[in-house]
Protein backbone atom coordinates (compact mmCIF):
# COMPACT_ATOMS: atom_id res chain seq x y z
CA MET A 1 0.00 0.00 0.00
CA ASP A 2 1.41 3.29 -1.03
CA ARG A 3 0.29 6.16 1.10
CA THR A 4 1.21 9.69 0.47
CA SER A 5 0.67 12.06 3.26
CA PRO A 6 -0.39 15.62 2.69
CA PRO A 7 2.39 18.19 2.78
CA VAL A 8 3.25 19.37 6.24
CA LYS A 9 2.32 22.94 6.88
CA THR A 10 5.13 25.05 8.15
CA ARG A 11 4.42 27.23 11.12
CA ARG A 12 4.63 30.90 10.65
CA GLY A 13 6.61 32.75 13.25
CA TYR A 14 4.59 34.78 15.70
CA ASP A 15 5.36 38.48 15.65
CA SER A 16 4.30 40.03 18.93
CA SER A 17 5.62 43.51 18.18
CA GLY A 18 2.13 44.90 17.61
CA ARG A 19 0.89 43.42 20.85
CA ARG A 20 3.89 44.81 22.77
CA GLU A 21 3.34 48.25 21.25
CA ARG A 22 -0.34 48.23 22.25
CA ALA A 23 0.60 47.18 25.79
CA ARG A 24 3.20 49.97 25.95
CA GLN A 25 0.61 52.49 24.75
CA VAL A 26 -2.00 51.30 27.27
CA ARG A 27 0.59 51.59 30.06
CA GLU A 28 1.49 55.11 28.90
CA ASP A 29 -2.19 56.11 28.73
CA ILE A 30 -2.73 54.87 32.29
CA VAL A 31 0.33 56.72 33.61
CA ASP A 32 -0.73 59.93 31.86
CA ALA A 33 -4.27 59.68 33.22
CA ALA A 34 -3.01 58.96 36.74
CA TRP A 35 -0.53 61.84 36.56
CA LYS A 36 -3.25 64.28 35.52
CA LEU A 37 -5.76 63.08 38.13
CA PHE A 38 -3.30 62.83 41.03
CA LEU A 39 -2.08 66.36 40.39
CA THR A 40 -5.57 67.83 40.06
CA ALA A 41 -7.56 65.82 42.64
CA GLY A 42 -4.75 64.77 44.96
CA TYR A 43 -3.77 61.29 46.05
CA ALA A 44 -6.75 60.62 48.32
CA GLY A 45 -9.19 62.21 45.86
CA THR A 46 -8.12 60.01 42.96
CA THR A 47 -9.54 56.53 42.59
CA ILE A 48 -8.35 53.66 40.45
CA ASN A 49 -11.79 53.66 38.82
CA ALA A 50 -11.40 57.32 37.83
CA ILE A 51 -7.96 56.65 36.37
CA ALA A 52 -9.32 53.63 34.49
CA ALA A 53 -12.21 55.63 33.04
CA ASP A 54 -9.87 58.44 31.96
CA ALA A 55 -7.42 55.99 30.36
CA GLY A 56 -10.17 53.91 28.72
CA VAL A 57 -9.22 50.67 30.47
CA SER A 58 -10.64 48.53 33.25
CA ALA A 59 -9.64 48.94 36.88
CA GLU A 60 -8.47 45.31 36.73
CA THR A 61 -5.96 46.25 34.04
CA ILE A 62 -4.48 48.92 36.29
CA TYR A 63 -4.22 46.53 39.21
CA LYS A 64 -2.62 43.91 36.96
CA VAL A 65 -0.03 46.31 35.52
CA PHE A 66 0.73 48.55 38.52
CA GLY A 67 -0.60 46.71 41.54
CA SER A 68 -1.96 49.73 43.41
CA LYS A 69 -2.06 53.51 43.62
CA PRO A 70 1.50 53.62 45.04
CA GLY A 71 2.60 51.56 42.03
CA LEU A 72 1.10 54.22 39.78
CA VAL A 73 2.89 56.98 41.68
CA ARG A 74 6.18 55.10 41.22
CA ALA A 75 5.51 54.87 37.47
CA ILE A 76 4.75 58.59 37.31
CA ARG A 77 7.95 59.37 39.20
CA ASP A 78 9.95 57.15 36.86
CA LYS A 79 8.47 58.86 33.81
CA ALA A 80 9.22 62.31 35.23
CA LEU A 81 12.84 61.39 35.92
CA VAL A 82 13.32 60.50 32.26
CA GLY A 83 12.79 64.13 31.34
CA ARG A 84 11.66 65.31 27.96
CA GLY A 85 14.45 64.06 25.72
CA PRO A 86 14.48 60.83 23.72
CA VAL A 87 17.23 59.55 26.05
CA ALA A 88 16.62 59.48 29.81
CA ALA A 89 18.03 62.49 31.66
CA GLU A 90 20.10 60.27 33.95
CA GLU A 91 21.72 58.54 30.98
CA ARG A 92 22.45 61.88 29.32
CA SER A 93 23.95 63.12 32.58
CA ASP A 94 26.17 60.05 32.99
CA GLU A 95 27.35 60.19 29.38
CA MET A 96 28.08 63.91 29.59
CA ARG A 97 30.01 63.47 32.83
CA GLU A 98 32.15 60.72 31.28
CA ARG A 99 33.05 62.67 28.14
CA GLU A 100 33.34 66.18 29.57
CA ALA A 101 36.54 67.17 31.37
CA ASP A 102 35.72 70.81 32.17
CA PRO A 103 33.84 70.91 35.52
CA ARG A 104 32.22 74.24 34.60
CA ILE A 105 30.61 72.64 31.57
CA VAL A 106 29.54 69.62 33.63
CA ILE A 107 27.84 71.87 36.18
CA ARG A 108 26.22 73.99 33.44
CA ASN A 109 24.86 70.85 31.75
CA TRP A 110 23.61 69.44 35.06
CA GLY A 111 21.81 72.74 35.57
CA ALA A 112 20.14 72.34 32.17
CA LEU A 113 19.04 68.81 33.03
CA THR A 114 17.75 69.97 36.41
CA THR A 115 15.64 72.70 34.81
CA GLU A 116 14.20 70.04 32.49
CA VAL A 117 13.41 67.43 35.15
CA ALA A 118 12.60 69.49 38.27
CA PRO A 119 9.27 70.91 37.02
CA LEU A 120 8.15 67.36 36.24
CA VAL A 121 9.34 65.78 39.49
CA ALA A 122 8.56 68.54 42.02
CA PRO A 123 4.75 68.11 41.91
CA ILE A 124 5.19 64.37 42.41
CA LEU A 125 7.49 64.94 45.37
CA LEU A 126 4.82 67.17 46.92
CA LEU A 127 2.12 64.57 46.22
CA VAL A 128 4.21 61.82 47.82
CA ARG A 129 5.10 63.99 50.81
CA GLU A 130 1.42 64.78 51.44
CA ALA A 131 0.20 61.19 51.05
CA ALA A 132 3.11 59.58 52.94
CA GLY A 133 1.46 60.47 56.24
CA THR A 134 -1.47 58.15 55.58
CA ASP A 135 -0.10 55.53 53.18
CA PRO A 136 2.79 53.33 54.38
CA GLU A 137 3.78 52.41 50.81
CA LEU A 138 4.12 56.07 49.91
CA ALA A 139 6.09 56.69 53.09
CA THR A 140 8.52 54.05 51.82
CA LEU A 141 8.56 55.67 48.38
CA ARG A 142 9.25 59.04 49.98
CA ARG A 143 12.29 57.63 51.83
CA GLU A 144 13.52 56.00 48.61
CA MET A 145 13.14 59.26 46.71
CA GLU A 146 15.01 61.18 49.39
CA ASP A 147 17.79 58.58 49.43
CA ASP A 148 18.05 58.78 45.62
CA ARG A 149 18.35 62.57 45.74
CA TYR A 150 21.21 62.36 48.23
């Protein structure tokens, strides 16, 4: 008996780049919504449900990605510390410090980075300081932020 089997189908590779990009965009939308609401309504006045509604996602998505309101505040802080450039401010600072020999130029450039990042970070520092009195996780974040500054 001569049997011929049908040709074996080859598997196509799975490209998850679109899925990763959508997940990155959802995360960014959530962080932006949380940032706006925390800074307008305050920490206590902002709910996960309000952030979810503003970002167009479910509250469960926020809990899955960030864990809690303090997790969102950490994400906002991290985004602020990046600054406005395409490369994170800390990376630009480190690279500049390594290549620049003149301390006057180093200090001038650090001043420029500070004027870029400080307006983004200062409101978050104030938010954390205010909420740290009632939220133990934010009290921990406040200590971490102070340690990082030193």
